[in-house]
Amino acid sequence: MTVVKICGITNVDDARAAMEAGADMLGFIFYPPSPRYVTPERAFEIISVVRRSSFVRFVGVFVNESLEHVRGVMETASLDLAQLHGKESPEFVREFGTRAYKSLQATDLDTARALMANYRAAVDGNMPAFIVDAPPAKLPGGNGIIADWSVAREIAREFPILLAGGLNPENVREAIEMVQPFGVDVSSGVERAPGLKDHAKVREFIERVKR
């Protein structure tokens, strides 16, 4: 069964709606320029309310932060996993053991293969190992730009990946059929405004994935 991550959670109502719809992972953005940014304290408030009734994993999204900062936020917010969405080194990723996965934002297969080789040892055995997203635009992620599914498919043949980038209820089935990922990640594709989820779209997205 394909895993679903609803990312960019900023409030309890959206977290609860995603969980009730069947989300497997909820993502919180700790990158201040993002319109979906939350403080570690705010994330902890949300997680404290919804964790009691769920087996959902809670993920923090970080961009080029220090090791100490990521560890501190993970502890403060009570996170399960770190999504490292910047230029973090393999050594940095390895510091978190099985509790981290790395973004790969490749525009061609040769670049993707080089990145996979570089990070292979750091993510060995991690579930997921990578999140495959479109190349950075205005923000490192969450821009609603579709990733290259042909490149993502090649990565997914070797590693368990989350597929991100421009997914929505209309295209997610096609994406899954082509890429065969471990899971899918959506943020802007199920929003009514940046940082505010459209609960009907969240339900529709998850239904189409799980169907």
C-alpha atoms as a PDB file:
ATOM      1  CA  MET A   1       0.000   0.000   0.000  1.00  0.00           C
ATOM      2  CA  THR A   2       1.391   3.376  -0.995  1.00  0.00           C
ATOM      3  CA  VAL A   3       2.228   5.656   1.940  1.00  0.00           C
ATOM      4  CA  VAL A   4       0.744   9.179   1.972  1.00  0.00           C
ATOM      5  CA  LYS A   5       2.482  12.181   3.515  1.00  0.00           C
ATOM      6  CA  ILE A   6       0.500  15.396   3.886  1.00  0.00           C
ATOM      7  CA  CYS A   7       3.071  18.155   4.250  1.00  0.00           C
ATOM      8  CA  GLY A   8       2.933  21.775   5.354  1.00  0.00           C
ATOM      9  CA  ILE A   9       0.646  21.210   8.340  1.00  0.00           C
ATOM     10  CA  THR A  10       0.109  24.405  10.346  1.00  0.00           C
ATOM     11  CA  ASN A  11      -2.914  23.734  12.551  1.00  0.00           C
ATOM     12  CA  VAL A  12      -4.773  21.061  14.496  1.00  0.00           C
ATOM     13  CA  ASP A  13      -7.842  20.969  12.242  1.00  0.00           C
ATOM     14  CA  ASP A  14      -5.761  20.181   9.162  1.00  0.00           C
ATOM     15  CA  ALA A  15      -3.721  17.576  11.034  1.00  0.00           C
ATOM     16  CA  ARG A  16      -6.840  15.856  12.312  1.00  0.00           C
ATOM     17  CA  ALA A  17      -8.536  15.934   8.892  1.00  0.00           C
ATOM     18  CA  ALA A  18      -5.478  14.395   7.228  1.00  0.00           C
ATOM     19  CA  MET A  19      -5.231  11.662   9.826  1.00  0.00           C
ATOM     20  CA  GLU A  20      -8.946  10.850   9.667  1.00  0.00           C
ATOM     21  CA  ALA A  21      -8.652  10.598   5.880  1.00  0.00           C
ATOM     22  CA  GLY A  22      -5.887   7.999   6.247  1.00  0.00           C
ATOM     23  CA  ALA A  23      -2.590   9.886   6.025  1.00  0.00           C
ATOM     24  CA  ASP A  24       0.450   7.909   7.136  1.00  0.00           C
ATOM     25  CA  MET A  25       2.801  10.851   7.681  1.00  0.00           C
ATOM     26  CA  LEU A  26       2.349  14.537   8.518  1.00  0.00           C
ATOM     27  CA  GLY A  27       5.033  17.053   7.624  1.00  0.00           C
ATOM     28  CA  PHE A  28       5.924  20.296   9.402  1.00  0.00           C
ATOM     29  CA  ILE A  29       8.052  22.936   7.698  1.00  0.00           C
ATOM     30  CA  PHE A  30      10.861  24.455   9.754  1.00  0.00           C
ATOM     31  CA  TYR A  31      12.129  26.714   6.979  1.00  0.00           C
ATOM     32  CA  PRO A  32      11.229  30.324   7.910  1.00  0.00           C
ATOM     33  CA  PRO A  33      10.805  31.707   4.342  1.00  0.00           C
ATOM     34  CA  SER A  34       8.046  29.182   3.650  1.00  0.00           C
ATOM     35  CA  PRO A  35       4.402  30.292   3.994  1.00  0.00           C
ATOM     36  CA  ARG A  36       3.892  26.940   5.730  1.00  0.00           C
ATOM     37  CA  TYR A  37       6.531  27.576   8.383  1.00  0.00           C
ATOM     38  CA  VAL A  38       5.718  26.663  11.972  1.00  0.00           C
ATOM     39  CA  THR A  39       7.795  27.020  15.111  1.00  0.00           C
ATOM     40  CA  PRO A  40       8.904  23.863  16.923  1.00  0.00           C
ATOM     41  CA  GLU A  41       6.638  24.844  19.805  1.00  0.00           C
ATOM     42  CA  ARG A  42       3.618  25.179  17.513  1.00  0.00           C
ATOM     43  CA  ALA A  43       4.362  21.817  15.901  1.00  0.00           C
ATOM     44  CA  PHE A  44       4.568  20.220  19.333  1.00  0.00           C
ATOM     45  CA  GLU A  45       1.163  21.666  20.264  1.00  0.00           C
ATOM     46  CA  ILE A  46      -0.382  20.152  17.142  1.00  0.00           C
ATOM     47  CA  ILE A  47       1.343  16.796  17.532  1.00  0.00           C
ATOM     48  CA  SER A  48       0.417  16.586  21.223  1.00  0.00           C
ATOM     49  CA  VAL A  49      -3.268  16.908  20.346  1.00  0.00           C
ATOM     50  CA  VAL A  50      -3.365  14.363  17.527  1.00  0.00           C
ATOM     51  CA  ARG A  51      -0.699  11.793  18.397  1.00  0.00           C
ATOM     52  CA  ARG A  52      -2.816  10.016  21.010  1.00  0.00           C
ATOM     53  CA  SER A  53      -5.169   8.507  18.457  1.00  0.00           C
ATOM     54  CA  SER A  54      -2.817   7.625  15.649  1.00  0.00           C
ATOM     55  CA  PHE A  55       0.069   5.602  14.309  1.00  0.00           C
ATOM     56  CA  VAL A  56       1.004   8.464  12.001  1.00  0.00           C
ATOM     57  CA  ARG A  57       4.669   9.441  11.782  1.00  0.00           C
ATOM     58  CA  PHE A  58       5.520  13.116  12.227  1.00  0.00           C
ATOM     59  CA  VAL A  59       8.203  14.615  10.015  1.00  0.00           C
ATOM     60  CA  GLY A  60      10.190  17.831  10.253  1.00  0.00           C
ATOM     61  CA  VAL A  61      11.370  19.441   7.018  1.00  0.00           C
ATOM     62  CA  PHE A  62      14.736  21.216   7.291  1.00  0.00           C
ATOM     63  CA  VAL A  63      16.840  23.180   4.809  1.00  0.00           C
ATOM     64  CA  ASN A  64      20.586  23.577   5.420  1.00  0.00           C
ATOM     65  CA  GLU A  65      20.358  23.768   9.204  1.00  0.00           C
ATOM     66  CA  SER A  66      23.048  22.771  11.686  1.00  0.00           C
ATOM     67  CA  LEU A  67      23.098  19.310  13.203  1.00  0.00           C
ATOM     68  CA  GLU A  68      22.388  20.777  16.634  1.00  0.00           C
ATOM     69  CA  HIS A  69      19.430  22.773  15.340  1.00  0.00           C
ATOM     70  CA  VAL A  70      17.788  19.777  13.665  1.00  0.00           C
ATOM     71  CA  ARG A  71      18.273  17.605  16.724  1.00  0.00           C
ATOM     72  CA  GLY A  72      16.903  20.312  18.982  1.00  0.00           C
ATOM     73  CA  VAL A  73      13.792  20.869  16.881  1.00  0.00           C
ATOM     74  CA  MET A  74      13.142  17.141  16.613  1.00  0.00           C
ATOM     75  CA  GLU A  75      13.264  16.850  20.388  1.00  0.00           C
ATOM     76  CA  THR A  76      11.203  19.986  21.066  1.00  0.00           C
ATOM     77  CA  ALA A  77       8.489  19.116  18.553  1.00  0.00           C
ATOM     78  CA  SER A  78       8.524  15.364  19.318  1.00  0.00           C
ATOM     79  CA  LEU A  79       9.215  14.369  15.716  1.00  0.00           C
ATOM     80  CA  ASP A  80       9.794  10.881  14.370  1.00  0.00           C
ATOM     81  CA  LEU A  81      11.743  11.730  11.210  1.00  0.00           C
ATOM     82  CA  ALA A  82      13.780  14.502   9.614  1.00  0.00           C
ATOM     83  CA  GLN A  83      13.384  15.356   5.924  1.00  0.00           C
ATOM     84  CA  LEU A  84      16.639  17.016   4.877  1.00  0.00           C
ATOM     85  CA  HIS A  85      15.720  19.204   1.930  1.00  0.00           C
ATOM     86  CA  GLY A  86      18.872  21.236   1.379  1.00  0.00           C
ATOM     87  CA  LYS A  87      22.493  20.522   0.548  1.00  0.00           C
ATOM     88  CA  GLU A  88      23.183  18.356   3.573  1.00  0.00           C
ATOM     89  CA  SER A  89      26.166  16.031   3.195  1.00  0.00           C
ATOM     90  CA  PRO A  90      25.984  12.241   3.421  1.00  0.00           C
ATOM     91  CA  GLU A  91      27.850  12.498   6.724  1.00  0.00           C
ATOM     92  CA  PHE A  92      25.158  14.856   8.030  1.00  0.00           C
ATOM     93  CA  VAL A  93      22.366  12.486   6.973  1.00  0.00           C
ATOM     94  CA  ARG A  94      24.143   9.524   8.559  1.00  0.00           C
ATOM     95  CA  GLU A  95      24.131  11.262  11.960  1.00  0.00           C
ATOM     96  CA  PHE A  96      20.399  10.564  12.232  1.00  0.00           C
ATOM     97  CA  GLY A  97      20.556   6.859  11.468  1.00  0.00           C
ATOM     98  CA  THR A  98      17.176   5.585  10.305  1.00  0.00           C
ATOM     99  CA  ARG A  99      15.397   8.771  11.421  1.00  0.00           C
ATOM    100  CA  ALA A 100      16.237  10.855   8.331  1.00  0.00           C
ATOM    101  CA  TYR A 101      15.802  10.833   4.593  1.00  0.00           C
ATOM    102  CA  LYS A 102      17.252  13.109   1.941  1.00  0.00           C
ATOM    103  CA  SER A 103      15.732  15.104  -0.895  1.00  0.00           C
ATOM    104  CA  LEU A 104      16.899  14.379  -4.423  1.00  0.00           C
ATOM    105  CA  GLN A 105      16.076  17.104  -6.933  1.00  0.00           C
ATOM    106  CA  ALA A 106      17.586  15.936 -10.188  1.00  0.00           C
ATOM    107  CA  THR A 107      16.727  17.156 -13.689  1.00  0.00           C
ATOM    108  CA  ASP A 108      18.329  14.213 -15.465  1.00  0.00           C
ATOM    109  CA  LEU A 109      19.189  10.586 -14.869  1.00  0.00           C
ATOM    110  CA  ASP A 110      22.967  11.049 -14.779  1.00  0.00           C
ATOM    111  CA  THR A 111      22.643  13.590 -11.970  1.00  0.00           C
ATOM    112  CA  ALA A 112      20.243  11.323 -10.130  1.00  0.00           C
ATOM    113  CA  ARG A 113      22.636   8.377 -10.363  1.00  0.00           C
ATOM    114  CA  ALA A 114      25.502  10.498  -9.034  1.00  0.00           C
ATOM    115  CA  LEU A 115      23.380  11.646  -6.099  1.00  0.00           C
ATOM    116  CA  MET A 116      22.229   8.112  -5.350  1.00  0.00           C
ATOM    117  CA  ALA A 117      25.819   6.900  -5.305  1.00  0.00           C
ATOM    118  CA  ASN A 118      26.830   9.765  -3.027  1.00  0.00           C
ATOM    119  CA  TYR A 119      24.092   9.144  -0.445  1.00  0.00           C
ATOM    120  CA  ARG A 120      23.662   5.377  -0.754  1.00  0.00           C
ATOM    121  CA  ALA A 121      25.512   4.433   2.425  1.00  0.00           C
ATOM    122  CA  ALA A 122      23.890   7.241   4.423  1.00  0.00           C
ATOM    123  CA  VAL A 123      20.322   6.093   3.718  1.00  0.00           C
ATOM    124  CA  ASP A 124      20.853   2.334   3.555  1.00  0.00           C
ATOM    125  CA  GLY A 125      17.827   0.666   5.141  1.00  0.00           C
ATOM    126  CA  ASN A 126      15.899   3.910   5.743  1.00  0.00           C
ATOM    127  CA  MET A 127      12.163   4.001   5.009  1.00  0.00           C
ATOM    128  CA  PRO A 128      11.931   6.171   3.017  1.00  0.00           C
ATOM    129  CA  ALA A 129      15.474   6.728   1.831  1.00  0.00           C
ATOM    130  CA  PHE A 130      14.773   9.742  -0.376  1.00  0.00           C
ATOM    131  CA  ILE A 131      12.099  12.234  -1.300  1.00  0.00           C
ATOM    132  CA  VAL A 132      12.220  12.953  -5.012  1.00  0.00           C
ATOM    133  CA  ASP A 133      11.054  16.492  -5.761  1.00  0.00           C
ATOM    134  CA  ALA A 134      11.198  18.993  -8.600  1.00  0.00           C
ATOM    135  CA  PRO A 135      14.332  21.172  -8.702  1.00  0.00           C
ATOM    136  CA  PRO A 136      14.260  24.189  -6.353  1.00  0.00           C
ATOM    137  CA  ALA A 137      12.443  27.245  -7.684  1.00  0.00           C
ATOM    138  CA  LYS A 138      11.269  30.096  -5.461  1.00  0.00           C
ATOM    139  CA  LEU A 139      11.511  27.748  -2.488  1.00  0.00           C
ATOM    140  CA  PRO A 140      13.465  24.487  -2.028  1.00  0.00           C
ATOM    141  CA  GLY A 141      10.146  22.607  -2.207  1.00  0.00           C
ATOM    142  CA  GLY A 142       6.406  23.148  -2.142  1.00  0.00           C
ATOM    143  CA  ASN A 143       6.333  25.125  -5.364  1.00  0.00           C
ATOM    144  CA  GLY A 144       3.752  22.939  -7.060  1.00  0.00           C
ATOM    145  CA  ILE A 145       6.119  22.049  -9.903  1.00  0.00           C
ATOM    146  CA  ILE A 146       5.914  18.483 -11.196  1.00  0.00           C
ATOM    147  CA  ALA A 147       9.029  16.373 -10.748  1.00  0.00           C
ATOM    148  CA  ASP A 148      10.482  14.370 -13.617  1.00  0.00           C
ATOM    149  CA  TRP A 149       8.635  11.095 -13.166  1.00  0.00           C
ATOM    150  CA  SER A 150      10.946   9.176 -15.491  1.00  0.00           C
ATOM    151  CA  VAL A 151      13.922  10.079 -13.294  1.00  0.00           C
ATOM    152  CA  ALA A 152      11.914   9.333 -10.148  1.00  0.00           C
ATOM    153  CA  ARG A 153      11.000   5.905 -11.524  1.00  0.00           C
ATOM    154  CA  GLU A 154      14.672   4.979 -11.891  1.00  0.00           C
ATOM    155  CA  ILE A 155      15.415   6.072  -8.321  1.00  0.00           C
ATOM    156  CA  ALA A 156      12.389   4.130  -7.043  1.00  0.00           C
ATOM    157  CA  ARG A 157      13.764   0.952  -8.621  1.00  0.00           C
ATOM    158  CA  GLU A 158      16.673   1.086  -6.173  1.00  0.00           C
ATOM    159  CA  PHE A 159      15.327   2.873  -3.107  1.00  0.00           C
ATOM    160  CA  PRO A 160      12.066   3.409  -1.227  1.00  0.00           C
ATOM    161  CA  ILE A 161      11.142   6.979  -2.140  1.00  0.00           C
ATOM    162  CA  LEU A 162       8.475   9.547  -1.475  1.00  0.00           C
ATOM    163  CA  LEU A 163       7.439  11.177  -4.729  1.00  0.00           C
ATOM    164  CA  ALA A 164       6.724  14.900  -4.385  1.00  0.00           C
ATOM    165  CA  GLY A 165       6.364  17.885  -6.670  1.00  0.00           C
ATOM    166  CA  GLY A 166       3.105  19.094  -8.160  1.00  0.00           C
ATOM    167  CA  LEU A 167       0.965  16.154  -7.087  1.00  0.00           C
ATOM    168  CA  ASN A 168      -2.784  16.605  -6.707  1.00  0.00           C
ATOM    169  CA  PRO A 169      -5.930  14.447  -6.709  1.00  0.00           C
ATOM    170  CA  GLU A 170      -6.087  14.531 -10.511  1.00  0.00           C
ATOM    171  CA  ASN A 171      -2.587  13.241 -11.284  1.00  0.00           C
ATOM    172  CA  VAL A 172      -1.548  11.124  -8.304  1.00  0.00           C
ATOM    173  CA  ARG A 173      -2.814   7.811  -9.676  1.00  0.00           C
ATOM    174  CA  GLU A 174      -0.915   8.302 -12.918  1.00  0.00           C
ATOM    175  CA  ALA A 175       2.192   9.240 -10.955  1.00  0.00           C
ATOM    176  CA  ILE A 176       1.988   6.119  -8.800  1.00  0.00           C
ATOM    177  CA  GLU A 177       1.431   3.854 -11.781  1.00  0.00           C
ATOM    178  CA  MET A 178       4.458   5.274 -13.574  1.00  0.00           C
ATOM    179  CA  VAL A 179       6.916   5.693 -10.691  1.00  0.00           C
ATOM    180  CA  GLN A 180       5.863   2.916  -8.265  1.00  0.00           C
ATOM    181  CA  PRO A 181       7.100   4.856  -5.217  1.00  0.00           C
ATOM    182  CA  PHE A 182       7.102   3.797  -1.581  1.00  0.00           C
ATOM    183  CA  GLY A 183       4.894   6.819  -0.954  1.00  0.00           C
ATOM    184  CA  VAL A 184       3.683  10.187  -2.177  1.00  0.00           C
ATOM    185  CA  ASP A 185       4.011  13.653  -0.640  1.00  0.00           C
ATOM    186  CA  VAL A 186       1.586  16.518  -1.222  1.00  0.00           C
ATOM    187  CA  SER A 187       1.344  20.053   0.113  1.00  0.00           C
ATOM    188  CA  SER A 188       0.146  22.802  -2.223  1.00  0.00           C
ATOM    189  CA  GLY A 189      -1.899  20.321  -4.273  1.00  0.00           C
ATOM    190  CA  VAL A 190      -4.441  19.935  -1.461  1.00  0.00           C
ATOM    191  CA  GLU A 191      -4.562  23.527  -0.191  1.00  0.00           C
ATOM    192  CA  ARG A 192      -7.165  26.294  -0.305  1.00  0.00           C
ATOM    193  CA  ALA A 193      -4.427  28.815   0.562  1.00  0.00           C
ATOM    194  CA  PRO A 194      -0.730  28.436   1.418  1.00  0.00           C
ATOM    195  CA  GLY A 195      -0.544  26.608   4.723  1.00  0.00           C
ATOM    196  CA  LEU A 196      -4.297  25.888   4.889  1.00  0.00           C
ATOM    197  CA  LYS A 197      -5.564  22.534   3.661  1.00  0.00           C
ATOM    198  CA  ASP A 198      -8.734  21.922   1.688  1.00  0.00           C
ATOM    199  CA  HIS A 199     -10.128  18.960   3.612  1.00  0.00           C
ATOM    200  CA  ALA A 200     -12.173  17.697   0.669  1.00  0.00           C
ATOM    201  CA  LYS A 201      -9.069  17.665  -1.525  1.00  0.00           C
ATOM    202  CA  VAL A 202      -7.098  15.896   1.209  1.00  0.00           C
ATOM    203  CA  ARG A 203      -9.732  13.169   1.392  1.00  0.00           C
ATOM    204  CA  GLU A 204      -9.915  12.852  -2.376  1.00  0.00           C
ATOM    205  CA  PHE A 205      -6.134  12.667  -2.706  1.00  0.00           C
ATOM    206  CA  ILE A 206      -5.801   9.942  -0.088  1.00  0.00           C
ATOM    207  CA  GLU A 207      -8.759   7.988  -1.469  1.00  0.00           C
ATOM    208  CA  ARG A 208      -7.211   7.958  -4.939  1.00  0.00           C
ATOM    209  CA  VAL A 209      -3.868   6.775  -3.548  1.00  0.00           C
ATOM    210  CA  LYS A 210      -5.301   4.062  -1.333  1.00  0.00           C
ATOM    211  CA  ARG A 211      -7.807   2.856  -3.928  1.00  0.00           C
END
